[in-house]
Amino acid sequence: MLLAALTTGRSALTRALSLGSAFAAVALVIVTAFSFTSFWMDGGGPGIVCGFGPGYYLWLACSVLVLLASLFETDREKCATRPERPGRTC
């Protein structure tokens, strides 16, 4: 998510890197829910994950918001470079 937030620019490579890392962040957050079903405890065997609290859902929402911000950032940059026509706004 940090890479997606820090890579903003006008070049096509920078936009692709930003969008790609934002999509990867969302994918990794979703995969985390299905791949980590247990955790190791200090005193003994593994503990089982039986549900997610608000922290996980806020983490998921944050990665989706970074993705949306990356999408809107590229649209805003395209709009800024497009010549304006009379009576039309981007």
N, C-alpha and C. Protein backbone atom coordinates (compact mmCIF):
# COMPACT_ATOMS: atom_id res chain seq x y z
N MET A 1 0.83 -1.19 0.00
CA MET A 1 0.00 0.00 0.00
C MET A 1 0.87 1.25 0.00
N LEU A 2 1.98 1.18 0.69
CA LEU A 2 2.88 2.33 0.73
C LEU A 2 3.47 2.61 -0.65
N LEU A 3 3.84 1.58 -1.37
CA LEU A 3 4.38 1.76 -2.72
C LEU A 3 3.33 2.39 -3.64
N ALA A 4 2.10 1.97 -3.52
CA ALA A 4 1.03 2.54 -4.34
C ALA A 4 0.80 4.00 -3.99
N ALA A 5 0.89 4.34 -2.72
CA ALA A 5 0.65 5.72 -2.30
C ALA A 5 1.81 6.64 -2.68
N LEU A 6 3.03 6.11 -2.72
CA LEU A 6 4.19 6.95 -2.99
C LEU A 6 4.48 7.12 -4.48
N THR A 7 4.00 6.22 -5.30
CA THR A 7 4.31 6.31 -6.73
C THR A 7 3.20 7.06 -7.44
N THR A 8 3.37 8.34 -7.57
CA THR A 8 2.46 9.16 -8.35
C THR A 8 3.29 9.95 -9.34
N GLY A 9 2.82 10.02 -10.53
CA GLY A 9 3.55 10.74 -11.56
C GLY A 9 2.81 10.70 -12.87
N ARG A 10 3.40 11.31 -13.85
CA ARG A 10 2.74 11.43 -15.15
C ARG A 10 3.14 10.34 -16.14
N SER A 11 4.22 9.65 -15.89
CA SER A 11 4.65 8.65 -16.87
C SER A 11 3.78 7.40 -16.78
N ALA A 12 3.70 6.70 -17.88
CA ALA A 12 2.89 5.48 -17.95
C ALA A 12 3.44 4.40 -17.03
N LEU A 13 4.76 4.33 -16.92
CA LEU A 13 5.38 3.33 -16.05
C LEU A 13 5.02 3.59 -14.58
N THR A 14 5.04 4.84 -14.18
CA THR A 14 4.70 5.18 -12.80
C THR A 14 3.24 4.87 -12.50
N ARG A 15 2.35 5.17 -13.44
CA ARG A 15 0.93 4.85 -13.25
C ARG A 15 0.72 3.35 -13.17
N ALA A 16 1.40 2.60 -14.02
CA ALA A 16 1.27 1.14 -14.00
C ALA A 16 1.79 0.57 -12.69
N LEU A 17 2.89 1.10 -12.19
CA LEU A 17 3.44 0.64 -10.92
C LEU A 17 2.49 0.95 -9.77
N SER A 18 1.90 2.12 -9.78
CA SER A 18 0.97 2.52 -8.74
C SER A 18 -0.27 1.63 -8.73
N LEU A 19 -0.88 1.44 -9.90
CA LEU A 19 -2.08 0.61 -9.98
C LEU A 19 -1.77 -0.85 -9.70
N GLY A 20 -0.65 -1.33 -10.20
CA GLY A 20 -0.27 -2.72 -9.95
C GLY A 20 -0.03 -3.01 -8.48
N SER A 21 0.65 -2.12 -7.81
CA SER A 21 0.90 -2.34 -6.38
C SER A 21 -0.37 -2.17 -5.56
N ALA A 22 -1.30 -1.31 -6.00
CA ALA A 22 -2.58 -1.18 -5.29
C ALA A 22 -3.42 -2.44 -5.46
N PHE A 23 -3.46 -2.99 -6.67
CA PHE A 23 -4.18 -4.24 -6.88
C PHE A 23 -3.55 -5.38 -6.09
N ALA A 24 -2.22 -5.41 -6.03
CA ALA A 24 -1.52 -6.45 -5.27
C ALA A 24 -1.83 -6.33 -3.78
N ALA A 25 -1.94 -5.10 -3.27
CA ALA A 25 -2.26 -4.91 -1.86
C ALA A 25 -3.64 -5.46 -1.53
N VAL A 26 -4.61 -5.17 -2.38
CA VAL A 26 -5.96 -5.69 -2.15
C VAL A 26 -5.97 -7.21 -2.22
N ALA A 27 -5.29 -7.77 -3.21
CA ALA A 27 -5.24 -9.22 -3.35
C ALA A 27 -4.57 -9.88 -2.15
N LEU A 28 -3.48 -9.32 -1.68
CA LEU A 28 -2.79 -9.91 -0.52
C LEU A 28 -3.61 -9.82 0.75
N VAL A 29 -4.35 -8.75 0.93
CA VAL A 29 -5.19 -8.63 2.12
C VAL A 29 -6.30 -9.67 2.09
N ILE A 30 -6.89 -9.90 0.92
CA ILE A 30 -7.95 -10.89 0.81
C ILE A 30 -7.41 -12.31 0.97
N VAL A 31 -6.25 -12.58 0.39
CA VAL A 31 -5.65 -13.91 0.50
C VAL A 31 -5.26 -14.20 1.95
N THR A 32 -4.89 -13.18 2.70
CA THR A 32 -4.51 -13.37 4.10
C THR A 32 -5.64 -14.02 4.89
N ALA A 33 -6.86 -13.64 4.61
CA ALA A 33 -8.00 -14.18 5.35
C ALA A 33 -8.16 -15.68 5.15
N PHE A 34 -7.80 -16.18 3.98
CA PHE A 34 -7.99 -17.59 3.68
C PHE A 34 -6.75 -18.44 3.95
N SER A 35 -5.58 -17.84 3.98
CA SER A 35 -4.36 -18.63 4.13
C SER A 35 -3.89 -18.78 5.57
N PHE A 36 -4.12 -17.79 6.41
CA PHE A 36 -3.67 -17.87 7.80
C PHE A 36 -4.85 -18.22 8.69
N THR A 37 -5.00 -19.52 8.95
CA THR A 37 -6.13 -19.98 9.75
C THR A 37 -5.73 -20.38 11.16
N SER A 38 -4.42 -20.36 11.45
CA SER A 38 -3.96 -20.66 12.81
C SER A 38 -2.71 -19.84 13.11
N PHE A 39 -2.40 -19.72 14.38
CA PHE A 39 -1.21 -18.98 14.80
C PHE A 39 -0.57 -19.73 15.96
N TRP A 40 0.72 -19.54 16.15
CA TRP A 40 1.45 -20.25 17.19
C TRP A 40 1.39 -19.47 18.49
N MET A 41 1.08 -20.15 19.59
CA MET A 41 1.03 -19.52 20.91
C MET A 41 2.29 -19.88 21.68
N ASP A 42 2.70 -19.03 22.61
CA ASP A 42 3.94 -19.24 23.35
C ASP A 42 3.91 -20.49 24.22
N GLY A 43 2.79 -20.75 24.86
CA GLY A 43 2.75 -21.83 25.83
C GLY A 43 2.50 -23.20 25.27
N GLY A 44 2.11 -23.32 24.05
CA GLY A 44 1.78 -24.66 23.57
C GLY A 44 1.50 -24.69 22.09
N GLY A 45 0.45 -25.39 21.74
CA GLY A 45 0.11 -25.62 20.34
C GLY A 45 -0.48 -24.40 19.66
N PRO A 46 -0.93 -24.62 18.47
CA PRO A 46 -1.45 -23.51 17.67
C PRO A 46 -2.85 -23.07 18.13
N GLY A 47 -3.12 -21.79 17.96
CA GLY A 47 -4.46 -21.26 18.18
C GLY A 47 -5.17 -21.17 16.84
N ILE A 48 -6.47 -21.30 16.85
CA ILE A 48 -7.23 -21.30 15.61
C ILE A 48 -7.94 -19.95 15.45
N VAL A 49 -7.85 -19.39 14.27
CA VAL A 49 -8.55 -18.14 13.96
C VAL A 49 -9.99 -18.50 13.63
N CYS A 50 -10.93 -18.00 14.42
CA CYS A 50 -12.33 -18.34 14.17
C CYS A 50 -13.15 -17.14 13.69
N GLY A 51 -12.54 -15.96 13.63
CA GLY A 51 -13.26 -14.79 13.13
C GLY A 51 -12.31 -13.61 13.02
N PHE A 52 -12.79 -12.56 12.41
CA PHE A 52 -11.99 -11.35 12.24
C PHE A 52 -12.65 -10.20 12.95
N GLY A 53 -11.84 -9.36 13.56
CA GLY A 53 -12.35 -8.19 14.26
C GLY A 53 -12.36 -6.97 13.36
N PRO A 54 -12.67 -5.82 13.94
CA PRO A 54 -12.75 -4.60 13.14
C PRO A 54 -11.40 -4.18 12.55
N GLY A 55 -10.30 -4.58 13.17
CA GLY A 55 -8.98 -4.22 12.64
C GLY A 55 -8.73 -4.80 11.26
N TYR A 56 -9.12 -6.05 11.06
CA TYR A 56 -8.94 -6.66 9.74
C TYR A 56 -9.78 -5.94 8.70
N TYR A 57 -11.01 -5.62 9.03
CA TYR A 57 -11.89 -4.97 8.05
C TYR A 57 -11.45 -3.53 7.77
N LEU A 58 -10.87 -2.86 8.76
CA LEU A 58 -10.31 -1.54 8.50
C LEU A 58 -9.07 -1.63 7.62
N TRP A 59 -8.27 -2.66 7.82
CA TRP A 59 -7.10 -2.90 6.99
C TRP A 59 -7.52 -3.17 5.55
N LEU A 60 -8.56 -3.98 5.37
CA LEU A 60 -9.10 -4.26 4.05
C LEU A 60 -9.64 -2.98 3.40
N ALA A 61 -10.38 -2.18 4.17
CA ALA A 61 -10.93 -0.92 3.64
C ALA A 61 -9.81 0.04 3.24
N CYS A 62 -8.73 0.06 3.99
CA CYS A 62 -7.61 0.94 3.67
C CYS A 62 -6.98 0.56 2.33
N SER A 63 -6.80 -0.72 2.09
CA SER A 63 -6.20 -1.12 0.82
C SER A 63 -7.14 -0.85 -0.35
N VAL A 64 -8.44 -0.98 -0.14
CA VAL A 64 -9.40 -0.65 -1.20
C VAL A 64 -9.39 0.86 -1.46
N LEU A 65 -9.29 1.65 -0.41
CA LEU A 65 -9.23 3.11 -0.58
C LEU A 65 -7.96 3.55 -1.31
N VAL A 66 -6.85 2.89 -1.05
CA VAL A 66 -5.61 3.19 -1.77
C VAL A 66 -5.78 2.85 -3.25
N LEU A 67 -6.45 1.73 -3.55
CA LEU A 67 -6.71 1.37 -4.93
C LEU A 67 -7.59 2.41 -5.61
N LEU A 68 -8.65 2.83 -4.93
CA LEU A 68 -9.53 3.86 -5.51
C LEU A 68 -8.79 5.18 -5.71
N ALA A 69 -7.97 5.55 -4.76
CA ALA A 69 -7.20 6.79 -4.89
C ALA A 69 -6.22 6.70 -6.06
N SER A 70 -5.63 5.54 -6.28
CA SER A 70 -4.73 5.36 -7.42
C SER A 70 -5.49 5.46 -8.73
N LEU A 71 -6.69 4.91 -8.78
CA LEU A 71 -7.49 5.00 -9.99
C LEU A 71 -7.91 6.43 -10.27
N PHE A 72 -8.36 7.15 -9.25
CA PHE A 72 -8.79 8.52 -9.45
C PHE A 72 -7.62 9.45 -9.74
N GLU A 73 -6.45 9.14 -9.21
CA GLU A 73 -5.26 9.95 -9.46
C GLU A 73 -4.89 9.89 -10.94
N THR A 74 -4.97 8.72 -11.54
CA THR A 74 -4.63 8.62 -12.96
C THR A 74 -5.67 9.33 -13.80
N ASP A 75 -6.95 9.28 -13.42
CA ASP A 75 -7.98 10.00 -14.17
C ASP A 75 -7.79 11.51 -14.04
N ARG A 76 -7.41 11.97 -12.87
CA ARG A 76 -7.21 13.40 -12.66
C ARG A 76 -6.03 13.90 -13.47
N GLU A 77 -4.96 13.10 -13.55
CA GLU A 77 -3.80 13.50 -14.34
C GLU A 77 -4.13 13.52 -15.83
N LYS A 78 -4.93 12.58 -16.30
CA LYS A 78 -5.34 12.60 -17.70
C LYS A 78 -6.17 13.84 -18.00
N CYS A 79 -7.02 14.19 -17.06
CA CYS A 79 -7.88 15.36 -17.23
C CYS A 79 -7.04 16.63 -17.27
N ALA A 80 -6.01 16.71 -16.48
CA ALA A 80 -5.18 17.91 -16.42
C ALA A 80 -4.38 18.11 -17.71
N THR A 81 -4.03 17.02 -18.39
CA THR A 81 -3.24 17.15 -19.61
C THR A 81 -4.11 17.29 -20.86
N ARG A 82 -5.39 17.03 -20.75
CA ARG A 82 -6.29 17.14 -21.89
C ARG A 82 -6.65 18.60 -22.15
N PRO A 83 -6.59 19.05 -23.40
CA PRO A 83 -6.98 20.44 -23.67
C PRO A 83 -8.49 20.59 -23.49
N GLU A 84 -8.87 21.70 -22.91
CA GLU A 84 -10.28 21.93 -22.63
C GLU A 84 -11.02 22.38 -23.87
N ARG A 85 -12.23 21.89 -23.99
CA ARG A 85 -13.12 22.34 -25.05
C ARG A 85 -14.13 23.29 -24.44
N PRO A 86 -14.57 24.26 -25.18
CA PRO A 86 -15.55 25.20 -24.63
C PRO A 86 -16.84 24.48 -24.22
N GLY A 87 -17.29 24.77 -23.04
CA GLY A 87 -18.53 24.20 -22.54
C GLY A 87 -18.41 22.80 -21.97
N ARG A 88 -17.22 22.23 -21.96
CA ARG A 88 -17.05 20.90 -21.41
C ARG A 88 -15.99 20.93 -20.33
N THR A 89 -16.25 20.18 -19.28
CA THR A 89 -15.26 20.01 -18.23
C THR A 89 -14.95 18.54 -18.11
N CYS A 90 -13.82 18.23 -17.57
CA CYS A 90 -13.39 16.85 -17.46
C CYS A 90 -14.08 16.15 -16.32
